[in-house]
């Protein structure tokens, strides 16, 4: 995962991956979209190839590059894990809700009991 994370940390490589999404391109076709040199684009492609994010195929004298997004799955799982609320947060929130509910019920019972008895606990009678 570290190699993939390092590879996608560079904005040029992320742009290349975006270009290869749903397309196969040569290094020349990719290089035309950048102001950097063709050898620099080739170096970026090598980094992407070494971590498995792109595959290349020699077709005649041309090398065709295509995206292989499979190595991104591990990074995506890690990001999802980090973004998901922790199990303890949810459990503590549920506990807090239960404590509040219990306190509210006790308070309602006390209020109902005080309606039947006076402040000192004596029974009161309705005077209507």
C-alpha atoms as a PDB file:
ATOM      1  CA  UNK A   1       0.000   0.000   0.000  1.00  0.00           C
ATOM      2  CA  UNK A   2       2.873   2.398   0.704  1.00  0.00           C
ATOM      3  CA  UNK A   3       4.114   2.228  -2.900  1.00  0.00           C
ATOM      4  CA  UNK A   4       0.618   3.004  -4.191  1.00  0.00           C
ATOM      5  CA  UNK A   5       0.180   5.856  -1.704  1.00  0.00           C
ATOM      6  CA  UNK A   6       3.546   7.296  -2.757  1.00  0.00           C
ATOM      7  CA  UNK A   7       2.603   6.998  -6.426  1.00  0.00           C
ATOM      8  CA  UNK A   8      -0.744   8.761  -6.101  1.00  0.00           C
ATOM      9  CA  UNK A   9       0.752  11.501  -3.927  1.00  0.00           C
ATOM     10  CA  UNK A  10       2.142  13.183  -7.045  1.00  0.00           C
ATOM     11  CA  UNK A  11      -0.347  15.368  -8.964  1.00  0.00           C
ATOM     12  CA  UNK A  12       1.145  14.482 -12.372  1.00  0.00           C
ATOM     13  CA  UNK A  13       0.725  10.773 -11.680  1.00  0.00           C
ATOM     14  CA  UNK A  14      -2.848  11.319 -10.493  1.00  0.00           C
ATOM     15  CA  UNK A  15      -3.535  13.180 -13.745  1.00  0.00           C
ATOM     16  CA  UNK A  16      -2.049  10.313 -15.749  1.00  0.00           C
ATOM     17  CA  UNK A  17      -4.258   7.825 -13.889  1.00  0.00           C
ATOM     18  CA  UNK A  18      -7.275   9.965 -14.710  1.00  0.00           C
ATOM     19  CA  UNK A  19      -6.299  10.030 -18.367  1.00  0.00           C
ATOM     20  CA  UNK A  20      -5.969   6.246 -18.436  1.00  0.00           C
ATOM     21  CA  UNK A  21      -9.370   5.704 -16.856  1.00  0.00           C
ATOM     22  CA  UNK A  22     -11.313   4.066 -19.651  1.00  0.00           C
ATOM     23  CA  UNK A  23      -8.580   4.606 -22.256  1.00  0.00           C
ATOM     24  CA  UNK A  24      -5.311   3.125 -23.464  1.00  0.00           C
ATOM     25  CA  UNK A  25      -2.642   5.649 -24.431  1.00  0.00           C
ATOM     26  CA  UNK A  26       0.970   5.764 -25.561  1.00  0.00           C
ATOM     27  CA  UNK A  27       3.586   7.756 -23.687  1.00  0.00           C
ATOM     28  CA  UNK A  28       3.526  10.325 -26.507  1.00  0.00           C
ATOM     29  CA  UNK A  29      -0.240  10.804 -26.201  1.00  0.00           C
ATOM     30  CA  UNK A  30       0.116  11.248 -22.462  1.00  0.00           C
ATOM     31  CA  UNK A  31       3.122  13.584 -22.756  1.00  0.00           C
ATOM     32  CA  UNK A  32       1.229  15.944 -25.098  1.00  0.00           C
ATOM     33  CA  UNK A  33      -1.039  16.881 -22.194  1.00  0.00           C
ATOM     34  CA  UNK A  34       1.816  18.093 -19.980  1.00  0.00           C
ATOM     35  CA  UNK A  35       4.417  20.835 -20.062  1.00  0.00           C
ATOM     36  CA  UNK A  36       7.030  18.453 -18.650  1.00  0.00           C
ATOM     37  CA  UNK A  37       9.333  16.480 -20.953  1.00  0.00           C
ATOM     38  CA  UNK A  38       8.496  13.114 -22.439  1.00  0.00           C
ATOM     39  CA  UNK A  39      11.294  11.424 -20.418  1.00  0.00           C
ATOM     40  CA  UNK A  40       9.758  12.909 -17.249  1.00  0.00           C
ATOM     41  CA  UNK A  41       6.373  11.437 -18.219  1.00  0.00           C
ATOM     42  CA  UNK A  42       8.110   8.089 -18.829  1.00  0.00           C
ATOM     43  CA  UNK A  43       9.579   8.234 -15.310  1.00  0.00           C
ATOM     44  CA  UNK A  44       6.117   8.874 -13.852  1.00  0.00           C
ATOM     45  CA  UNK A  45       4.751   5.938 -15.849  1.00  0.00           C
ATOM     46  CA  UNK A  46       7.554   3.737 -14.518  1.00  0.00           C
ATOM     47  CA  UNK A  47       6.603   4.592 -10.918  1.00  0.00           C
ATOM     48  CA  UNK A  48       2.951   3.809 -11.692  1.00  0.00           C
ATOM     49  CA  UNK A  49       3.929   0.554 -13.418  1.00  0.00           C
ATOM     50  CA  UNK A  50       6.198  -0.576 -10.572  1.00  0.00           C
ATOM     51  CA  UNK A  51       3.407  -0.247  -8.007  1.00  0.00           C
ATOM     52  CA  UNK A  52       0.948  -1.987 -10.340  1.00  0.00           C
ATOM     53  CA  UNK A  53      -1.335   0.947 -11.138  1.00  0.00           C
ATOM     54  CA  UNK A  54      -0.629   0.816 -14.866  1.00  0.00           C
ATOM     55  CA  UNK A  55       0.108  -2.035 -17.228  1.00  0.00           C
ATOM     56  CA  UNK A  56       1.972  -1.659 -20.450  1.00  0.00           C
ATOM     57  CA  UNK A  57       1.939  -3.701 -23.602  1.00  0.00           C
ATOM     58  CA  UNK A  58       4.275  -3.511 -26.564  1.00  0.00           C
ATOM     59  CA  UNK A  59       2.278  -3.329 -29.789  1.00  0.00           C
ATOM     60  CA  UNK A  60       4.692  -3.126 -32.685  1.00  0.00           C
ATOM     61  CA  UNK A  61       6.982  -0.238 -31.857  1.00  0.00           C
ATOM     62  CA  UNK A  62       4.455   1.428 -29.574  1.00  0.00           C
ATOM     63  CA  UNK A  63       4.061   0.864 -25.860  1.00  0.00           C
ATOM     64  CA  UNK A  64       0.416   1.122 -24.806  1.00  0.00           C
ATOM     65  CA  UNK A  65      -0.476   1.985 -21.203  1.00  0.00           C
ATOM     66  CA  UNK A  66      -3.697   1.088 -19.410  1.00  0.00           C
ATOM     67  CA  UNK A  67      -4.967   1.618 -15.876  1.00  0.00           C
ATOM     68  CA  UNK A  68      -5.125  -1.232 -13.374  1.00  0.00           C
ATOM     69  CA  UNK A  69      -7.078   0.143 -10.412  1.00  0.00           C
ATOM     70  CA  UNK A  70      -6.871  -3.061  -8.342  1.00  0.00           C
ATOM     71  CA  UNK A  71      -3.964  -1.799  -6.164  1.00  0.00           C
ATOM     72  CA  UNK A  72      -6.149   1.161  -5.147  1.00  0.00           C
ATOM     73  CA  UNK A  73      -8.544  -1.191  -3.327  1.00  0.00           C
ATOM     74  CA  UNK A  74      -6.281  -1.488  -0.289  1.00  0.00           C
ATOM     75  CA  UNK A  75      -5.893   2.297  -0.103  1.00  0.00           C
ATOM     76  CA  UNK A  76      -9.661   2.743  -0.499  1.00  0.00           C
ATOM     77  CA  UNK A  77     -10.319   0.261   2.330  1.00  0.00           C
ATOM     78  CA  UNK A  78      -7.881   2.093   4.583  1.00  0.00           C
ATOM     79  CA  UNK A  79      -9.489   5.467   3.796  1.00  0.00           C
ATOM     80  CA  UNK A  80     -12.960   4.015   4.458  1.00  0.00           C
ATOM     81  CA  UNK A  81     -11.764   2.644   7.799  1.00  0.00           C
ATOM     82  CA  UNK A  82     -10.333   6.002   8.813  1.00  0.00           C
ATOM     83  CA  UNK A  83     -13.429   7.911   7.678  1.00  0.00           C
ATOM     84  CA  UNK A  84     -15.934   5.554   9.326  1.00  0.00           C
ATOM     85  CA  UNK A  85     -17.023   6.446  12.826  1.00  0.00           C
ATOM     86  CA  UNK A  86     -15.247   4.307  15.366  1.00  0.00           C
ATOM     87  CA  UNK A  87     -17.145   1.542  17.074  1.00  0.00           C
ATOM     88  CA  UNK A  88     -16.527   3.116  20.472  1.00  0.00           C
ATOM     89  CA  UNK A  89     -17.983   6.453  19.408  1.00  0.00           C
ATOM     90  CA  UNK A  90     -21.219   4.782  18.426  1.00  0.00           C
ATOM     91  CA  UNK A  91     -21.313   2.698  21.598  1.00  0.00           C
ATOM     92  CA  UNK A  92     -20.655   5.692  23.839  1.00  0.00           C
ATOM     93  CA  UNK A  93     -23.350   7.709  22.039  1.00  0.00           C
ATOM     94  CA  UNK A  94     -25.803   4.853  22.593  1.00  0.00           C
ATOM     95  CA  UNK A  95     -24.834   4.689  26.273  1.00  0.00           C
ATOM     96  CA  UNK A  96     -25.341   8.435  26.662  1.00  0.00           C
ATOM     97  CA  UNK A  97     -28.784   8.149  25.065  1.00  0.00           C
ATOM     98  CA  UNK A  98     -29.734   5.325  27.420  1.00  0.00           C
ATOM     99  CA  UNK A  99     -28.536   7.248  30.491  1.00  0.00           C
ATOM    100  CA  UNK A 100     -30.591  10.295  29.476  1.00  0.00           C
ATOM    101  CA  UNK A 101     -33.671   8.139  28.845  1.00  0.00           C
ATOM    102  CA  UNK A 102     -33.308   6.463  32.245  1.00  0.00           C
ATOM    103  CA  UNK A 103     -32.902   9.818  34.014  1.00  0.00           C
ATOM    104  CA  UNK A 104     -35.956  11.202  32.218  1.00  0.00           C
ATOM    105  CA  UNK A 105     -38.057   8.167  33.224  1.00  0.00           C
ATOM    106  CA  UNK A 106     -36.941   8.455  36.881  1.00  0.00           C
ATOM    107  CA  UNK A 107     -37.746  12.150  36.873  1.00  0.00           C
ATOM    108  CA  UNK A 108     -41.214  11.448  35.447  1.00  0.00           C
ATOM    109  CA  UNK A 109     -41.823   8.795  38.129  1.00  0.00           C
ATOM    110  CA  UNK A 110     -40.765  11.217  40.886  1.00  0.00           C
ATOM    111  CA  UNK A 111     -43.038  13.894  39.467  1.00  0.00           C
ATOM    112  CA  UNK A 112     -45.937  11.446  39.347  1.00  0.00           C
ATOM    113  CA  UNK A 113     -45.188  10.296  42.911  1.00  0.00           C
ATOM    114  CA  UNK A 114     -45.102  13.912  44.190  1.00  0.00           C
ATOM    115  CA  UNK A 115     -48.510  14.484  42.653  1.00  0.00           C
ATOM    116  CA  UNK A 116     -49.917  11.740  44.881  1.00  0.00           C
ATOM    117  CA  UNK A 117     -47.976  12.771  48.005  1.00  0.00           C
ATOM    118  CA  UNK A 118     -47.086  16.137  49.417  1.00  0.00           C
ATOM    119  CA  UNK A 119     -43.557  17.375  49.740  1.00  0.00           C
ATOM    120  CA  UNK A 120     -43.096  15.583  53.063  1.00  0.00           C
ATOM    121  CA  UNK A 121     -44.509  12.387  51.716  1.00  0.00           C
ATOM    122  CA  UNK A 122     -48.020  12.739  53.198  1.00  0.00           C
ATOM    123  CA  UNK A 123     -50.941  11.774  51.111  1.00  0.00           C
ATOM    124  CA  UNK A 124     -52.918  14.720  49.771  1.00  0.00           C
ATOM    125  CA  UNK A 125     -56.524  14.780  48.763  1.00  0.00           C
ATOM    126  CA  UNK A 126     -57.911  16.520  45.784  1.00  0.00           C
ATOM    127  CA  UNK A 127     -59.981  19.530  46.722  1.00  0.00           C
ATOM    128  CA  UNK A 128     -62.299  20.426  44.003  1.00  0.00           C
END
